Amino acid sequence: MSVRHRAILLAICLTACGAKDEARQLAPILGSAPGEVEINVPAKLSSIEVDAVDPLGRPLRIACATCHTTKETAVLPESPSELQAFHVGLQFQHGSNRCASCHVSEPLRAPKLRLADGTELPMTEALQLCAQCHGPQYRDYKAGAHGGMQGFWDLRRGGRTRNHCVDCHDPHVPKPPQVLPAAAMRDRIPVAAPARGEEGHE
């Protein structure tokens, strides 16, 4: 086939496929609606892990409301070191905050959070609480540059589930531990050491 015939055949194929000079948009999957973005609500916002495990060896959790709606709640302490019955041993390193900086304490009520202006939030809305002090991180989170996700970047292809702040950060000791981002670099194909007397040229 001549070069001219190949060029004509290529032009016909490109025309038939609808190719244009500008970038083509990905078509949505047929029959699907645009994907939704959901924010994960970690179990630790509404329950606490206990020492017992289930038959599969997974840690059991008890809903916070199990105790907080049946027992008289004392006034929140200034620091976790003052705890005497429940949550004893809680580690806390979150700036100069006190327990009442974030938590509402009222007898016989499910636990709630409190914004700086006094607005009360359910525990599941902790993201708003974090955002009021951590503005740059929240800005990056909204742009998709902070926090992880599962699902699709292109919502026309499917939904997406974003991580919550407390998926990665312990609210009481939020600084993550120092870790290496990846294993050290290594050659995938090891190079054999030169044989004796074959050190190479100078």
N, C-alpha and C. Protein backbone atom coordinates (compact mmCIF):
# COMPACT_ATOMS: atom_id res chain seq x y z
N MET A 1 0.85 -1.18 0.00
CA MET A 1 0.00 0.00 0.00
C MET A 1 0.90 1.23 0.00
N SER A 2 0.55 2.19 -0.82
CA SER A 2 1.37 3.40 -0.95
C SER A 2 1.16 4.32 0.25
N VAL A 3 2.08 5.26 0.41
CA VAL A 3 1.99 6.24 1.50
C VAL A 3 0.72 7.05 1.36
N ARG A 4 0.34 7.38 0.13
CA ARG A 4 -0.87 8.19 -0.10
C ARG A 4 -2.11 7.40 0.35
N HIS A 5 -2.18 6.13 0.00
CA HIS A 5 -3.32 5.32 0.40
C HIS A 5 -3.41 5.17 1.92
N ARG A 6 -2.23 5.02 2.58
CA ARG A 6 -2.23 4.93 4.04
C ARG A 6 -2.76 6.22 4.67
N ALA A 7 -2.36 7.36 4.14
CA ALA A 7 -2.81 8.65 4.66
C ALA A 7 -4.32 8.80 4.50
N ILE A 8 -4.85 8.38 3.36
CA ILE A 8 -6.30 8.46 3.11
C ILE A 8 -7.04 7.54 4.08
N LEU A 9 -6.55 6.31 4.26
CA LEU A 9 -7.17 5.36 5.17
C LEU A 9 -7.16 5.88 6.60
N LEU A 10 -6.05 6.48 7.03
CA LEU A 10 -5.95 7.05 8.38
C LEU A 10 -6.95 8.19 8.55
N ALA A 11 -7.09 9.05 7.55
CA ALA A 11 -8.04 10.16 7.63
C ALA A 11 -9.47 9.64 7.75
N ILE A 12 -9.81 8.58 7.00
CA ILE A 12 -11.16 8.00 7.06
C ILE A 12 -11.42 7.43 8.46
N CYS A 13 -10.42 6.72 9.01
CA CYS A 13 -10.59 6.14 10.35
C CYS A 13 -10.78 7.23 11.41
N LEU A 14 -9.96 8.27 11.35
CA LEU A 14 -10.08 9.35 12.34
C LEU A 14 -11.42 10.06 12.23
N THR A 15 -11.91 10.25 11.02
CA THR A 15 -13.21 10.89 10.84
C THR A 15 -14.32 10.00 11.38
N ALA A 16 -14.24 8.72 11.09
CA ALA A 16 -15.27 7.78 11.55
C ALA A 16 -15.29 7.68 13.07
N CYS A 17 -14.12 7.79 13.70
CA CYS A 17 -14.05 7.69 15.16
C CYS A 17 -14.38 9.00 15.85
N GLY A 18 -14.56 10.05 15.09
CA GLY A 18 -14.92 11.34 15.68
C GLY A 18 -13.75 12.06 16.31
N ALA A 19 -12.52 11.75 15.91
CA ALA A 19 -11.35 12.41 16.49
C ALA A 19 -11.31 13.87 16.08
N LYS A 20 -10.93 14.70 17.03
CA LYS A 20 -10.80 16.13 16.77
C LYS A 20 -9.47 16.59 17.33
N ASP A 21 -9.12 17.84 17.05
CA ASP A 21 -7.86 18.36 17.54
C ASP A 21 -7.87 18.53 19.05
N GLU A 22 -9.03 18.92 19.64
CA GLU A 22 -9.07 19.14 21.08
C GLU A 22 -9.18 17.80 21.81
N ALA A 23 -8.85 17.81 23.09
CA ALA A 23 -8.89 16.58 23.89
C ALA A 23 -10.32 16.09 23.99
N ARG A 24 -10.49 14.79 23.89
CA ARG A 24 -11.82 14.20 23.99
C ARG A 24 -12.18 14.00 25.45
N GLN A 25 -13.44 14.18 25.77
CA GLN A 25 -13.94 13.96 27.12
C GLN A 25 -14.31 12.49 27.28
N LEU A 26 -14.05 11.94 28.46
CA LEU A 26 -14.47 10.56 28.72
C LEU A 26 -15.98 10.51 28.83
N ALA A 27 -16.57 9.59 28.16
CA ALA A 27 -18.02 9.44 28.24
C ALA A 27 -18.39 8.74 29.53
N PRO A 28 -19.51 9.12 30.14
CA PRO A 28 -19.93 8.42 31.35
C PRO A 28 -20.32 6.98 31.02
N ILE A 29 -20.24 6.14 32.01
CA ILE A 29 -20.67 4.77 31.81
C ILE A 29 -22.17 4.78 31.54
N LEU A 30 -22.58 4.06 30.52
CA LEU A 30 -23.99 4.08 30.12
C LEU A 30 -24.87 3.65 31.27
N GLY A 31 -25.96 4.38 31.44
CA GLY A 31 -26.95 4.03 32.45
C GLY A 31 -26.59 4.46 33.86
N SER A 32 -25.49 5.19 34.03
CA SER A 32 -25.11 5.59 35.39
C SER A 32 -25.33 7.08 35.58
N ALA A 33 -25.72 7.44 36.78
CA ALA A 33 -25.87 8.84 37.15
C ALA A 33 -24.50 9.34 37.62
N PRO A 34 -24.30 10.66 37.66
CA PRO A 34 -23.02 11.17 38.16
C PRO A 34 -22.75 10.64 39.57
N GLY A 35 -21.49 10.30 39.83
CA GLY A 35 -21.13 9.74 41.12
C GLY A 35 -21.25 10.74 42.24
N GLU A 36 -21.47 10.24 43.42
CA GLU A 36 -21.58 11.06 44.62
C GLU A 36 -20.25 11.04 45.38
N VAL A 37 -19.98 12.11 46.12
CA VAL A 37 -18.82 12.15 47.00
C VAL A 37 -19.33 12.00 48.43
N GLU A 38 -18.87 10.96 49.09
CA GLU A 38 -19.25 10.72 50.48
C GLU A 38 -18.02 10.86 51.35
N ILE A 39 -18.22 11.28 52.58
CA ILE A 39 -17.13 11.36 53.54
C ILE A 39 -17.32 10.22 54.53
N ASN A 40 -16.29 9.41 54.67
CA ASN A 40 -16.34 8.28 55.59
C ASN A 40 -16.61 8.77 57.01
N VAL A 41 -17.43 8.03 57.75
CA VAL A 41 -17.67 8.34 59.16
C VAL A 41 -17.07 7.19 59.97
N PRO A 42 -15.85 7.36 60.48
CA PRO A 42 -15.18 6.27 61.20
C PRO A 42 -15.95 5.83 62.44
N ALA A 43 -15.85 4.55 62.74
CA ALA A 43 -16.54 3.99 63.91
C ALA A 43 -16.10 4.66 65.20
N LYS A 44 -14.85 5.16 65.26
CA LYS A 44 -14.36 5.75 66.50
C LYS A 44 -15.07 7.05 66.88
N LEU A 45 -15.88 7.61 65.96
CA LEU A 45 -16.64 8.82 66.30
C LEU A 45 -17.91 8.50 67.06
N SER A 46 -18.33 7.25 67.08
CA SER A 46 -19.57 6.90 67.78
C SER A 46 -19.42 5.67 68.67
N SER A 47 -18.22 5.11 68.75
CA SER A 47 -18.02 3.93 69.59
C SER A 47 -16.57 3.87 70.06
N ILE A 48 -16.34 3.02 71.03
CA ILE A 48 -14.99 2.88 71.58
C ILE A 48 -14.59 1.41 71.52
N GLU A 49 -13.34 1.16 71.19
CA GLU A 49 -12.82 -0.20 71.11
C GLU A 49 -12.58 -0.74 72.51
N VAL A 50 -12.96 -2.00 72.72
CA VAL A 50 -12.73 -2.64 74.02
C VAL A 50 -11.71 -3.77 73.84
N ASP A 51 -11.32 -4.38 74.96
CA ASP A 51 -10.29 -5.42 74.91
C ASP A 51 -10.78 -6.72 74.29
N ALA A 52 -12.08 -6.97 74.29
CA ALA A 52 -12.63 -8.23 73.77
C ALA A 52 -12.60 -8.24 72.24
N VAL A 53 -12.65 -9.45 71.68
CA VAL A 53 -12.69 -9.60 70.23
C VAL A 53 -13.88 -10.46 69.84
N ASP A 54 -14.31 -10.34 68.58
CA ASP A 54 -15.42 -11.16 68.09
C ASP A 54 -14.88 -12.52 67.63
N PRO A 55 -15.76 -13.44 67.18
CA PRO A 55 -15.29 -14.77 66.77
C PRO A 55 -14.25 -14.75 65.64
N LEU A 56 -14.18 -13.65 64.86
CA LEU A 56 -13.20 -13.56 63.79
C LEU A 56 -11.91 -12.87 64.23
N GLY A 57 -11.83 -12.55 65.53
CA GLY A 57 -10.62 -11.93 66.05
C GLY A 57 -10.57 -10.42 65.91
N ARG A 58 -11.68 -9.81 65.46
CA ARG A 58 -11.70 -8.36 65.31
C ARG A 58 -12.07 -7.70 66.63
N PRO A 59 -11.48 -6.56 66.98
CA PRO A 59 -11.82 -5.89 68.25
C PRO A 59 -13.29 -5.49 68.27
N LEU A 60 -13.91 -5.69 69.42
CA LEU A 60 -15.30 -5.28 69.59
C LEU A 60 -15.36 -3.81 69.97
N ARG A 61 -16.45 -3.17 69.59
CA ARG A 61 -16.65 -1.77 69.90
C ARG A 61 -17.98 -1.62 70.65
N ILE A 62 -18.03 -0.65 71.54
CA ILE A 62 -19.26 -0.35 72.27
C ILE A 62 -19.63 1.10 71.96
N ALA A 63 -20.90 1.32 71.63
CA ALA A 63 -21.35 2.67 71.29
C ALA A 63 -21.17 3.60 72.49
N CYS A 64 -20.72 4.83 72.23
CA CYS A 64 -20.52 5.82 73.29
C CYS A 64 -21.81 6.03 74.09
N ALA A 65 -22.95 6.00 73.37
CA ALA A 65 -24.24 6.24 74.02
C ALA A 65 -24.58 5.17 75.05
N THR A 66 -23.92 4.00 74.98
CA THR A 66 -24.18 2.94 75.96
C THR A 66 -23.96 3.44 77.38
N CYS A 67 -22.92 4.22 77.58
CA CYS A 67 -22.66 4.78 78.92
C CYS A 67 -23.13 6.22 79.04
N HIS A 68 -22.90 7.00 78.01
CA HIS A 68 -23.16 8.44 78.12
C HIS A 68 -24.64 8.79 78.20
N THR A 69 -25.54 7.87 77.89
CA THR A 69 -26.97 8.17 78.03
C THR A 69 -27.58 7.47 79.24
N THR A 70 -26.78 6.73 79.99
CA THR A 70 -27.32 6.01 81.15
C THR A 70 -26.63 6.37 82.45
N LYS A 71 -25.46 6.98 82.37
CA LYS A 71 -24.72 7.34 83.58
C LYS A 71 -24.59 8.85 83.69
N GLU A 72 -24.62 9.34 84.90
CA GLU A 72 -24.44 10.77 85.14
C GLU A 72 -23.04 11.18 84.70
N THR A 73 -22.96 12.18 83.84
CA THR A 73 -21.67 12.63 83.32
C THR A 73 -21.14 13.75 84.21
N ALA A 74 -19.92 13.59 84.65
CA ALA A 74 -19.30 14.62 85.49
C ALA A 74 -18.87 15.79 84.61
N VAL A 75 -18.53 16.90 85.27
CA VAL A 75 -18.00 18.04 84.54
C VAL A 75 -16.70 17.62 83.89
N LEU A 76 -16.49 18.08 82.68
CA LEU A 76 -15.26 17.70 81.97
C LEU A 76 -14.04 18.19 82.73
N PRO A 77 -13.02 17.36 82.82
CA PRO A 77 -11.79 17.79 83.51
C PRO A 77 -10.99 18.77 82.65
N GLU A 78 -10.02 19.39 83.26
CA GLU A 78 -9.13 20.28 82.52
C GLU A 78 -8.19 19.48 81.63
N SER A 79 -7.80 18.28 82.10
CA SER A 79 -6.90 17.42 81.32
C SER A 79 -7.23 15.97 81.61
N PRO A 80 -6.81 15.05 80.73
CA PRO A 80 -7.09 13.63 80.93
C PRO A 80 -6.48 13.06 82.21
N SER A 81 -5.46 13.70 82.76
CA SER A 81 -4.84 13.18 83.99
C SER A 81 -5.81 13.21 85.16
N GLU A 82 -6.89 14.00 85.07
CA GLU A 82 -7.88 14.09 86.14
C GLU A 82 -8.96 13.02 86.03
N LEU A 83 -8.98 12.25 84.96
CA LEU A 83 -9.99 11.20 84.79
C LEU A 83 -9.81 10.13 85.85
N GLN A 84 -10.92 9.70 86.47
CA GLN A 84 -10.81 8.74 87.56
C GLN A 84 -11.50 7.41 87.28
N ALA A 85 -12.54 7.40 86.44
CA ALA A 85 -13.28 6.15 86.22
C ALA A 85 -13.23 5.71 84.77
N PHE A 86 -13.67 6.56 83.86
CA PHE A 86 -13.72 6.18 82.45
C PHE A 86 -12.63 6.92 81.67
N HIS A 87 -12.19 6.30 80.60
CA HIS A 87 -11.18 6.86 79.69
C HIS A 87 -9.86 7.15 80.41
N VAL A 88 -9.62 6.47 81.52
CA VAL A 88 -8.36 6.65 82.26
C VAL A 88 -7.20 6.23 81.36
N GLY A 89 -6.12 7.00 81.38
CA GLY A 89 -4.95 6.68 80.57
C GLY A 89 -4.98 7.31 79.19
N LEU A 90 -5.99 8.10 78.91
CA LEU A 90 -6.09 8.76 77.60
C LEU A 90 -4.89 9.68 77.39
N GLN A 91 -4.22 9.53 76.28
CA GLN A 91 -3.10 10.41 75.93
C GLN A 91 -3.65 11.66 75.24
N PHE A 92 -3.10 12.81 75.57
CA PHE A 92 -3.60 14.06 75.00
C PHE A 92 -2.45 15.02 74.74
N GLN A 93 -2.22 15.33 73.48
CA GLN A 93 -1.20 16.31 73.07
C GLN A 93 -1.76 17.07 71.88
N HIS A 94 -2.61 18.03 72.16
CA HIS A 94 -3.27 18.80 71.10
C HIS A 94 -3.18 20.28 71.43
N GLY A 95 -1.96 20.79 71.42
CA GLY A 95 -1.75 22.21 71.71
C GLY A 95 -2.11 22.54 73.14
N SER A 96 -2.67 23.72 73.34
CA SER A 96 -3.05 24.17 74.69
C SER A 96 -4.53 23.95 74.95
N ASN A 97 -5.18 23.09 74.15
CA ASN A 97 -6.61 22.83 74.32
C ASN A 97 -6.89 22.06 75.60
N ARG A 98 -8.11 22.24 76.08
CA ARG A 98 -8.62 21.46 77.21
C ARG A 98 -9.70 20.53 76.66
N CYS A 99 -10.19 19.63 77.47
CA CYS A 99 -11.26 18.72 77.02
C CYS A 99 -12.47 19.53 76.54
N ALA A 100 -12.84 20.57 77.32
CA ALA A 100 -14.02 21.37 76.99
C ALA A 100 -13.81 22.28 75.78
N SER A 101 -12.59 22.34 75.24
CA SER A 101 -12.37 23.12 74.02
C SER A 101 -13.15 22.51 72.86
N CYS A 102 -13.35 21.20 72.91
CA CYS A 102 -14.02 20.52 71.80
C CYS A 102 -15.27 19.75 72.22
N HIS A 103 -15.31 19.28 73.48
CA HIS A 103 -16.41 18.42 73.93
C HIS A 103 -17.44 19.17 74.76
N VAL A 104 -18.70 18.79 74.61
CA VAL A 104 -19.80 19.29 75.44
C VAL A 104 -20.04 18.25 76.52
N SER A 105 -20.21 18.70 77.75
CA SER A 105 -20.48 17.76 78.84
C SER A 105 -21.80 18.13 79.51
N GLU A 106 -22.79 17.28 79.31
CA GLU A 106 -24.06 17.45 80.00
C GLU A 106 -24.53 16.09 80.44
N PRO A 107 -25.12 15.98 81.64
CA PRO A 107 -25.55 14.67 82.14
C PRO A 107 -26.57 14.00 81.22
N LEU A 108 -26.42 12.68 81.10
CA LEU A 108 -27.36 11.84 80.38
C LEU A 108 -27.64 12.29 78.95
N ARG A 109 -26.60 12.70 78.25
CA ARG A 109 -26.74 13.05 76.84
C ARG A 109 -25.67 12.36 76.03
N ALA A 110 -26.00 12.03 74.82
CA ALA A 110 -24.99 11.45 73.94
C ALA A 110 -23.88 12.48 73.75
N PRO A 111 -22.65 12.03 73.60
CA PRO A 111 -21.54 12.97 73.46
C PRO A 111 -21.72 13.89 72.24
N LYS A 112 -21.34 15.15 72.44
CA LYS A 112 -21.39 16.13 71.35
C LYS A 112 -20.11 16.93 71.35
N LEU A 113 -19.87 17.58 70.23
CA LEU A 113 -18.73 18.46 70.07
C LEU A 113 -19.21 19.90 70.10
N ARG A 114 -18.25 20.81 70.36
CA ARG A 114 -18.61 22.23 70.46
C ARG A 114 -17.62 23.06 69.66
N LEU A 115 -18.15 23.87 68.73
CA LEU A 115 -17.30 24.80 67.99
C LEU A 115 -16.91 25.97 68.89
N ALA A 116 -15.96 26.77 68.45
CA ALA A 116 -15.49 27.91 69.25
C ALA A 116 -16.60 28.91 69.54
N ASP A 117 -17.60 29.00 68.65
CA ASP A 117 -18.70 29.96 68.89
C ASP A 117 -19.82 29.36 69.74
N GLY A 118 -19.63 28.13 70.23
CA GLY A 118 -20.64 27.50 71.08
C GLY A 118 -21.60 26.58 70.35
N THR A 119 -21.57 26.58 69.04
CA THR A 119 -22.45 25.70 68.27
C THR A 119 -22.13 24.24 68.59
N GLU A 120 -23.19 23.46 68.89
CA GLU A 120 -23.00 22.05 69.19
C GLU A 120 -23.15 21.21 67.93
N LEU A 121 -22.32 20.18 67.85
CA LEU A 121 -22.33 19.28 66.70
C LEU A 121 -22.38 17.85 67.18
N PRO A 122 -23.02 16.96 66.41
CA PRO A 122 -22.88 15.53 66.74
C PRO A 122 -21.45 15.08 66.48
N MET A 123 -21.04 14.03 67.12
CA MET A 123 -19.67 13.54 66.97
C MET A 123 -19.33 13.24 65.51
N THR A 124 -20.32 12.81 64.74
CA THR A 124 -20.07 12.44 63.35
C THR A 124 -19.71 13.65 62.48
N GLU A 125 -19.91 14.88 62.99
CA GLU A 125 -19.58 16.09 62.24
C GLU A 125 -18.23 16.67 62.69
N ALA A 126 -17.34 15.82 63.17
CA ALA A 126 -16.04 16.28 63.69
C ALA A 126 -15.22 17.02 62.64
N LEU A 127 -15.45 16.76 61.37
CA LEU A 127 -14.71 17.44 60.31
C LEU A 127 -14.85 18.97 60.42
N GLN A 128 -16.05 19.44 60.75
CA GLN A 128 -16.26 20.89 60.91
C GLN A 128 -15.45 21.44 62.08
N LEU A 129 -15.36 20.64 63.14
CA LEU A 129 -14.59 21.07 64.30
C LEU A 129 -13.11 21.21 63.94
N CYS A 130 -12.58 20.22 63.22
CA CYS A 130 -11.17 20.27 62.81
C CYS A 130 -10.91 21.48 61.90
N ALA A 131 -11.87 21.74 61.00
CA ALA A 131 -11.70 22.80 59.99
C ALA A 131 -11.60 24.19 60.61
N GLN A 132 -12.21 24.41 61.78
CA GLN A 132 -12.20 25.77 62.33
C GLN A 132 -10.81 26.21 62.78
N CYS A 133 -9.93 25.27 63.09
CA CYS A 133 -8.56 25.62 63.49
C CYS A 133 -7.52 25.28 62.42
N HIS A 134 -7.82 24.30 61.61
CA HIS A 134 -6.85 23.81 60.63
C HIS A 134 -7.27 24.23 59.22
N GLY A 135 -7.34 25.54 59.00
CA GLY A 135 -7.82 26.09 57.73
C GLY A 135 -7.02 25.66 56.51
N PRO A 136 -5.68 25.77 56.52
CA PRO A 136 -4.92 25.37 55.33
C PRO A 136 -5.11 23.90 54.97
N GLN A 137 -5.14 23.04 56.00
CA GLN A 137 -5.35 21.62 55.73
C GLN A 137 -6.76 21.36 55.18
N TYR A 138 -7.74 22.08 55.71
CA TYR A 138 -9.12 21.91 55.23
C TYR A 138 -9.25 22.42 53.80
N ARG A 139 -8.58 23.52 53.49
CA ARG A 139 -8.58 24.03 52.10
C ARG A 139 -8.01 22.98 51.16
N ASP A 140 -6.86 22.39 51.56
CA ASP A 140 -6.25 21.36 50.74
C ASP A 140 -7.13 20.11 50.66
N TYR A 141 -7.81 19.81 51.76
CA TYR A 141 -8.71 18.65 51.79
C TYR A 141 -9.84 18.84 50.77
N LYS A 142 -10.43 20.03 50.77
CA LYS A 142 -11.54 20.29 49.82
C LYS A 142 -11.06 20.21 48.38
N ALA A 143 -9.78 20.55 48.14
CA ALA A 143 -9.24 20.50 46.78
C ALA A 143 -8.73 19.11 46.41
N GLY A 144 -8.78 18.16 47.36
CA GLY A 144 -8.35 16.80 47.07
C GLY A 144 -6.87 16.56 47.27
N ALA A 145 -6.13 17.55 47.83
CA ALA A 145 -4.69 17.40 48.00
C ALA A 145 -4.30 16.92 49.39
N HIS A 146 -5.25 16.83 50.32
CA HIS A 146 -4.97 16.36 51.68
C HIS A 146 -6.01 15.30 52.01
N GLY A 147 -5.56 14.23 52.60
CA GLY A 147 -6.49 13.13 52.91
C GLY A 147 -6.60 12.18 51.73
N GLY A 148 -7.00 10.98 52.00
CA GLY A 148 -7.10 9.98 50.95
C GLY A 148 -8.53 9.75 50.51
N MET A 149 -8.68 8.87 49.54
CA MET A 149 -10.01 8.54 49.04
C MET A 149 -10.00 7.18 48.38
N GLN A 150 -11.18 6.66 48.17
CA GLN A 150 -11.37 5.45 47.37
C GLN A 150 -12.45 5.77 46.36
N GLY A 151 -12.28 5.27 45.16
CA GLY A 151 -13.28 5.51 44.13
C GLY A 151 -12.69 6.20 42.92
N PHE A 152 -13.45 7.10 42.33
CA PHE A 152 -13.09 7.71 41.05
C PHE A 152 -12.81 9.19 41.20
N TRP A 153 -11.73 9.66 40.53
CA TRP A 153 -11.50 11.10 40.41
C TRP A 153 -12.57 11.70 39.52
N ASP A 154 -12.85 11.04 38.40
CA ASP A 154 -13.86 11.51 37.45
C ASP A 154 -15.21 10.98 37.91
N LEU A 155 -16.03 11.87 38.49
CA LEU A 155 -17.30 11.44 39.07
C LEU A 155 -18.30 10.97 38.02
N ARG A 156 -18.00 11.22 36.74
CA ARG A 156 -18.88 10.68 35.70
C ARG A 156 -18.70 9.18 35.57
N ARG A 157 -17.59 8.66 36.11
CA ARG A 157 -17.31 7.24 36.03
C ARG A 157 -17.79 6.48 37.26
N GLY A 158 -18.08 7.18 38.35
CA GLY A 158 -18.54 6.51 39.57
C GLY A 158 -18.34 7.39 40.79
N GLY A 159 -18.71 6.88 41.94
CA GLY A 159 -18.64 7.65 43.18
C GLY A 159 -17.27 7.62 43.83
N ARG A 160 -17.17 8.37 44.91
CA ARG A 160 -15.90 8.53 45.62
C ARG A 160 -16.20 8.61 47.11
N THR A 161 -15.36 7.95 47.92
CA THR A 161 -15.46 8.05 49.37
C THR A 161 -14.19 8.68 49.89
N ARG A 162 -14.33 9.85 50.53
CA ARG A 162 -13.17 10.57 51.08
C ARG A 162 -12.91 10.12 52.51
N ASN A 163 -11.65 10.15 52.91
CA ASN A 163 -11.31 9.88 54.30
C ASN A 163 -11.77 11.03 55.18
N HIS A 164 -11.99 10.73 56.42
CA HIS A 164 -12.31 11.73 57.44
C HIS A 164 -10.99 12.10 58.13
N CYS A 165 -10.92 13.24 58.76
CA CYS A 165 -9.69 13.63 59.48
C CYS A 165 -9.23 12.53 60.42
N VAL A 166 -10.19 11.95 61.19
CA VAL A 166 -9.80 10.98 62.21
C VAL A 166 -9.49 9.61 61.64
N ASP A 167 -9.62 9.42 60.32
CA ASP A 167 -9.12 8.19 59.71
C ASP A 167 -7.60 8.13 59.80
N CYS A 168 -6.96 9.29 59.74
CA CYS A 168 -5.49 9.35 59.75
C CYS A 168 -4.93 9.99 61.01
N HIS A 169 -5.70 10.85 61.65
CA HIS A 169 -5.21 11.59 62.82
C HIS A 169 -6.01 11.20 64.06
N ASP A 170 -5.32 10.91 65.15
CA ASP A 170 -5.98 10.72 66.43
C ASP A 170 -6.34 12.12 66.93
N PRO A 171 -7.62 12.40 67.19
CA PRO A 171 -7.99 13.77 67.59
C PRO A 171 -7.28 14.24 68.87
N HIS A 172 -6.90 13.30 69.72
CA HIS A 172 -6.26 13.70 70.98
C HIS A 172 -4.75 13.84 70.84
N VAL A 173 -4.15 13.11 69.92
CA VAL A 173 -2.73 13.24 69.60
C VAL A 173 -2.65 13.24 68.08
N PRO A 174 -2.97 14.38 67.46
CA PRO A 174 -3.18 14.39 66.00
C PRO A 174 -1.93 14.25 65.14
N LYS A 175 -0.76 14.54 65.70
CA LYS A 175 0.44 14.47 64.87
C LYS A 175 0.71 13.02 64.50
N PRO A 176 0.76 12.71 63.18
CA PRO A 176 1.02 11.31 62.81
C PRO A 176 2.46 10.94 63.11
N PRO A 177 2.73 9.66 63.36
CA PRO A 177 4.12 9.25 63.63
C PRO A 177 4.99 9.45 62.40
N GLN A 178 6.26 9.64 62.62
CA GLN A 178 7.20 9.81 61.52
C GLN A 178 7.43 8.46 60.84
N VAL A 179 7.19 8.41 59.54
CA VAL A 179 7.38 7.18 58.79
C VAL A 179 8.12 7.49 57.50
N LEU A 180 8.77 6.48 56.95
CA LEU A 180 9.38 6.64 55.64
C LEU A 180 8.30 6.52 54.58
N PRO A 181 8.27 7.42 53.59
CA PRO A 181 7.20 7.36 52.59
C PRO A 181 7.29 6.15 51.69
N ALA A 182 8.47 5.57 51.54
CA ALA A 182 8.62 4.41 50.65
C ALA A 182 9.87 3.65 51.05
N ALA A 183 9.96 2.42 50.58
CA ALA A 183 11.16 1.63 50.85
C ALA A 183 12.35 2.25 50.13
N ALA A 184 13.54 1.94 50.60
CA ALA A 184 14.75 2.46 49.97
C ALA A 184 14.85 1.94 48.53
N MET A 185 15.45 2.73 47.65
CA MET A 185 15.59 2.34 46.25
C MET A 185 16.54 1.15 46.14
N ARG A 186 16.16 0.21 45.27
CA ARG A 186 17.01 -0.95 45.01
C ARG A 186 16.92 -1.29 43.54
N ASP A 187 18.01 -1.85 43.00
CA ASP A 187 17.96 -2.34 41.62
C ASP A 187 17.10 -3.59 41.60
N ARG A 188 16.22 -3.69 40.60
CA ARG A 188 15.39 -4.88 40.48
C ARG A 188 16.19 -6.06 39.96
N ILE A 189 17.24 -5.79 39.18
CA ILE A 189 18.08 -6.86 38.63
C ILE A 189 19.45 -6.72 39.25
N PRO A 190 19.81 -7.62 40.16
CA PRO A 190 21.13 -7.50 40.80
C PRO A 190 22.25 -7.68 39.78
N VAL A 191 23.30 -6.90 39.97
CA VAL A 191 24.47 -6.98 39.08
C VAL A 191 25.52 -7.83 39.77
N ALA A 192 26.00 -8.85 39.06
CA ALA A 192 27.01 -9.74 39.64
C ALA A 192 28.31 -8.99 39.80
N ALA A 193 29.03 -9.30 40.86
CA ALA A 193 30.34 -8.69 41.09
C ALA A 193 31.29 -9.18 40.00
N PRO A 194 32.24 -8.32 39.56
CA PRO A 194 33.16 -8.75 38.51
C PRO A 194 34.02 -9.92 39.00
N ALA A 195 34.30 -10.83 38.06
CA ALA A 195 35.14 -11.98 38.40
C ALA A 195 36.56 -11.52 38.70
N ARG A 196 37.29 -12.35 39.38
CA ARG A 196 38.66 -12.02 39.76
C ARG A 196 39.49 -11.74 38.51
N GLY A 197 40.19 -10.62 38.53
CA GLY A 197 41.03 -10.26 37.39
C GLY A 197 40.28 -9.53 36.30
N GLU A 198 38.96 -9.24 36.51
CA GLU A 198 38.17 -8.54 35.48
C GLU A 198 37.62 -7.23 36.05
N GLU A 199 38.45 -6.48 36.74
CA GLU A 199 37.99 -5.26 37.39
C GLU A 199 37.59 -4.17 36.42
N GLY A 200 37.94 -4.31 35.17
CA GLY A 200 37.58 -3.29 34.19
C GLY A 200 38.77 -2.44 33.81
N HIS A 201 38.52 -1.48 32.95
CA HIS A 201 39.59 -0.64 32.43
C HIS A 201 39.77 0.58 33.31
N GLU A 202 40.98 1.07 33.37
CA GLU A 202 41.28 2.29 34.11
C GLU A 202 40.90 3.49 33.30
